[in-house]
Amino acid sequence: MTASEGDKEIVFTKAVKAGKRIYYLDVKKSRKGEMFLAITESKKITTGEGEASQVSFEKHKIFLYKEDFEKFLNGLQETIQYIEHEQGPIAGESHMAKNENLAADEILREPLKTDDIKIDIDF
C-alpha cells in the first residue's frame, strides 16, 4: 500500500516516537522514479489548561537525497561521537566503537519488508 503527497509517492515509512516528538522517516519516490528520504519532526504543543487546552503539532521537514546519504551519516555519526565523548554514552551504550568502522552502505543494507509497511499520516 502506498500513499501520495502531491507528486511524491511514499513507498516506505517508519515512525520513531520520542517523548512529545515523533520522527517520521518517509522514503518517497519522485515522478522520475528517484527515491529520497523525508524526515519530519512532529512536536505536540499544548496551550491553555483544563477544558480550555488546545493541542496542535509543530512540524519541521528535512529532505535527504541519495547522493548525500553517506556524507549525512558520517556527519551524524561524528556528531553523536562528539556528544558521547563530552557527556558519556547515550542510554548507557556507546556508539563510538560499535559504529566506527561501518560504511554507509552497510548501515543502509537492511532489506525492505513490505509486510511491515503501514501508512497512516495526517498532515
C-alpha atoms as a PDB file:
ATOM      1  CA  MET A   1       0.000   0.000   0.000  1.00  0.00           C
ATOM      2  CA  THR A   2       1.341   3.440  -0.864  1.00  0.00           C
ATOM      3  CA  ALA A   3       0.205   6.962  -0.286  1.00  0.00           C
ATOM      4  CA  SER A   4       0.786  10.059  -2.368  1.00  0.00           C
ATOM      5  CA  GLU A   5       1.542  13.602  -1.296  1.00  0.00           C
ATOM      6  CA  GLY A   6       1.347  15.793  -4.364  1.00  0.00           C
ATOM      7  CA  ASP A   7       3.734  14.327  -6.907  1.00  0.00           C
ATOM      8  CA  LYS A   8       5.734  12.342  -4.341  1.00  0.00           C
ATOM      9  CA  GLU A   9       4.763   8.740  -3.636  1.00  0.00           C
ATOM     10  CA  ILE A  10       5.540   7.339  -0.170  1.00  0.00           C
ATOM     11  CA  VAL A  11       6.968   3.839  -0.618  1.00  0.00           C
ATOM     12  CA  PHE A  12       8.123   3.174   2.967  1.00  0.00           C
ATOM     13  CA  THR A  13       7.627   4.886   6.313  1.00  0.00           C
ATOM     14  CA  LYS A  14       8.926   4.462   9.830  1.00  0.00           C
ATOM     15  CA  ALA A  15       7.668   6.417  12.854  1.00  0.00           C
ATOM     16  CA  VAL A  16      10.018   6.891  15.807  1.00  0.00           C
ATOM     17  CA  LYS A  17       8.251   8.027  18.991  1.00  0.00           C
ATOM     18  CA  ALA A  18      10.428  10.009  21.405  1.00  0.00           C
ATOM     19  CA  GLY A  19       8.581  11.722  24.258  1.00  0.00           C
ATOM     20  CA  LYS A  20       6.481  14.609  22.907  1.00  0.00           C
ATOM     21  CA  ARG A  21       8.092  14.211  19.497  1.00  0.00           C
ATOM     22  CA  ILE A  22       7.538  11.773  16.671  1.00  0.00           C
ATOM     23  CA  TYR A  23      10.066  11.476  13.867  1.00  0.00           C
ATOM     24  CA  TYR A  24       8.667  10.222  10.563  1.00  0.00           C
ATOM     25  CA  LEU A  25      11.201   8.712   8.186  1.00  0.00           C
ATOM     26  CA  ASP A  26       9.480   8.538   4.806  1.00  0.00           C
ATOM     27  CA  VAL A  27      11.052   7.111   1.674  1.00  0.00           C
ATOM     28  CA  LYS A  28       9.403   8.911  -1.214  1.00  0.00           C
ATOM     29  CA  LYS A  29       9.592   8.457  -4.951  1.00  0.00           C
ATOM     30  CA  SER A  30       9.533  11.424  -7.311  1.00  0.00           C
ATOM     31  CA  ARG A  31       7.726  11.444 -10.641  1.00  0.00           C
ATOM     32  CA  LYS A  32      11.038  10.479 -12.243  1.00  0.00           C
ATOM     33  CA  GLY A  33      11.201   7.364 -10.027  1.00  0.00           C
ATOM     34  CA  GLU A  34      14.065   8.641  -7.875  1.00  0.00           C
ATOM     35  CA  MET A  35      13.848   7.840  -4.166  1.00  0.00           C
ATOM     36  CA  PHE A  36      14.750  10.226  -1.358  1.00  0.00           C
ATOM     37  CA  LEU A  37      14.286  10.447   2.397  1.00  0.00           C
ATOM     38  CA  ALA A  38      11.914  12.945   4.002  1.00  0.00           C
ATOM     39  CA  ILE A  39      12.485  13.350   7.742  1.00  0.00           C
ATOM     40  CA  THR A  40       9.670  15.053   9.626  1.00  0.00           C
ATOM     41  CA  GLU A  41       9.807  16.060  13.277  1.00  0.00           C
ATOM     42  CA  SER A  42       6.327  16.445  14.741  1.00  0.00           C
ATOM     43  CA  LYS A  43       6.164  18.004  18.206  1.00  0.00           C
ATOM     44  CA  LYS A  44       2.974  18.054  20.262  1.00  0.00           C
ATOM     45  CA  ILE A  45       2.192  21.552  21.603  1.00  0.00           C
ATOM     46  CA  THR A  46      -0.466  22.030  24.290  1.00  0.00           C
ATOM     47  CA  THR A  47      -1.703  25.551  25.044  1.00  0.00           C
ATOM     48  CA  GLY A  48      -4.027  26.514  27.865  1.00  0.00           C
ATOM     49  CA  GLU A  49      -5.155  24.346  30.744  1.00  0.00           C
ATOM     50  CA  GLY A  50      -8.066  22.056  31.593  1.00  0.00           C
ATOM     51  CA  GLU A  51     -11.038  22.077  29.234  1.00  0.00           C
ATOM     52  CA  ALA A  52      -9.708  25.204  27.522  1.00  0.00           C
ATOM     53  CA  SER A  53      -6.493  23.474  26.464  1.00  0.00           C
ATOM     54  CA  GLN A  54      -5.769  23.042  22.786  1.00  0.00           C
ATOM     55  CA  VAL A  55      -3.396  20.583  21.147  1.00  0.00           C
ATOM     56  CA  SER A  56      -1.500  21.344  17.961  1.00  0.00           C
ATOM     57  CA  PHE A  57       1.542  19.914  16.220  1.00  0.00           C
ATOM     58  CA  GLU A  58       4.618  21.804  15.102  1.00  0.00           C
ATOM     59  CA  LYS A  59       6.294  20.150  12.112  1.00  0.00           C
ATOM     60  CA  HIS A  60       9.735  20.520  10.565  1.00  0.00           C
ATOM     61  CA  LYS A  61      10.951  18.696   7.453  1.00  0.00           C
ATOM     62  CA  ILE A  62      14.337  17.755   6.025  1.00  0.00           C
ATOM     63  CA  PHE A  63      14.762  16.209   2.592  1.00  0.00           C
ATOM     64  CA  LEU A  64      17.798  13.989   2.136  1.00  0.00           C
ATOM     65  CA  TYR A  65      18.797  12.753  -1.308  1.00  0.00           C
ATOM     66  CA  LYS A  66      20.629   9.530  -2.167  1.00  0.00           C
ATOM     67  CA  GLU A  67      23.836  11.250  -3.239  1.00  0.00           C
ATOM     68  CA  ASP A  68      24.085  12.836   0.235  1.00  0.00           C
ATOM     69  CA  PHE A  69      23.360   9.731   2.395  1.00  0.00           C
ATOM     70  CA  GLU A  70      26.981   8.811   3.119  1.00  0.00           C
ATOM     71  CA  LYS A  71      28.019  12.381   3.969  1.00  0.00           C
ATOM     72  CA  PHE A  72      24.950  12.825   6.165  1.00  0.00           C
ATOM     73  CA  LEU A  73      25.562   9.532   8.004  1.00  0.00           C
ATOM     74  CA  ASN A  74      29.234  10.368   8.517  1.00  0.00           C
ATOM     75  CA  GLY A  75      28.324  13.797   9.875  1.00  0.00           C
ATOM     76  CA  LEU A  76      25.636  12.366  12.149  1.00  0.00           C
ATOM     77  CA  GLN A  77      27.988   9.685  13.455  1.00  0.00           C
ATOM     78  CA  GLU A  78      30.750  12.233  14.102  1.00  0.00           C
ATOM     79  CA  THR A  79      28.281  14.483  15.935  1.00  0.00           C
ATOM     80  CA  ILE A  80      26.982  11.628  18.125  1.00  0.00           C
ATOM     81  CA  GLN A  81      30.560  10.585  18.905  1.00  0.00           C
ATOM     82  CA  TYR A  82      31.378  14.155  19.957  1.00  0.00           C
ATOM     83  CA  ILE A  83      28.389  14.279  22.326  1.00  0.00           C
ATOM     84  CA  GLU A  84      29.316  10.874  23.793  1.00  0.00           C
ATOM     85  CA  HIS A  85      32.920  11.993  24.223  1.00  0.00           C
ATOM     86  CA  GLU A  86      31.798  15.137  26.061  1.00  0.00           C
ATOM     87  CA  GLN A  87      28.869  13.721  28.063  1.00  0.00           C
ATOM     88  CA  GLY A  88      29.266   9.944  28.110  1.00  0.00           C
ATOM     89  CA  PRO A  89      27.406   7.174  26.268  1.00  0.00           C
ATOM     90  CA  ILE A  90      23.794   7.705  25.294  1.00  0.00           C
ATOM     91  CA  ALA A  91      21.475   5.398  27.297  1.00  0.00           C
ATOM     92  CA  GLY A  92      24.487   3.540  28.678  1.00  0.00           C
ATOM     93  CA  GLU A  93      25.672   2.298  25.275  1.00  0.00           C
ATOM     94  CA  SER A  94      28.471   3.870  23.268  1.00  0.00           C
ATOM     95  CA  HIS A  95      28.032   4.335  19.532  1.00  0.00           C
ATOM     96  CA  MET A  96      31.671   5.347  19.145  1.00  0.00           C
ATOM     97  CA  ALA A  97      33.328   1.939  18.867  1.00  0.00           C
ATOM     98  CA  LYS A  98      30.311  -0.019  17.663  1.00  0.00           C
ATOM     99  CA  ASN A  99      29.663   2.029  14.514  1.00  0.00           C
ATOM    100  CA  GLU A 100      33.151   3.420  13.959  1.00  0.00           C
ATOM    101  CA  ASN A 101      34.021   1.143  11.053  1.00  0.00           C
ATOM    102  CA  LEU A 102      30.601   0.849   9.410  1.00  0.00           C
ATOM    103  CA  ALA A 103      30.308   2.290   5.933  1.00  0.00           C
ATOM    104  CA  ALA A 104      27.074   3.958   4.855  1.00  0.00           C
ATOM    105  CA  ASP A 105      26.237   1.082   2.507  1.00  0.00           C
ATOM    106  CA  GLU A 106      26.452  -1.391   5.418  1.00  0.00           C
ATOM    107  CA  ILE A 107      24.066   0.680   7.523  1.00  0.00           C
ATOM    108  CA  LEU A 108      21.555   1.034   4.672  1.00  0.00           C
ATOM    109  CA  ARG A 109      21.768  -2.604   3.544  1.00  0.00           C
ATOM    110  CA  GLU A 110      18.768  -3.844   5.583  1.00  0.00           C
ATOM    111  CA  PRO A 111      16.112  -5.161   3.170  1.00  0.00           C
ATOM    112  CA  LEU A 112      12.730  -3.509   2.828  1.00  0.00           C
ATOM    113  CA  LYS A 113       9.969  -5.601   4.421  1.00  0.00           C
ATOM    114  CA  THR A 114       6.771  -4.745   2.612  1.00  0.00           C
ATOM    115  CA  ASP A 115       4.677  -6.710   5.137  1.00  0.00           C
ATOM    116  CA  ASP A 116       5.612  -4.141   7.802  1.00  0.00           C
ATOM    117  CA  ILE A 117       4.599  -1.066   5.806  1.00  0.00           C
ATOM    118  CA  LYS A 118       1.758   0.843   7.409  1.00  0.00           C
ATOM    119  CA  ILE A 119       0.955   4.350   6.295  1.00  0.00           C
ATOM    120  CA  ASP A 120      -1.432   6.458   8.321  1.00  0.00           C
ATOM    121  CA  ILE A 121      -0.193  10.027   8.279  1.00  0.00           C
ATOM    122  CA  ASP A 122      -2.359  13.123   8.619  1.00  0.00           C
ATOM    123  CA  PHE A 123      -0.791  16.497   7.848  1.00  0.00           C
END
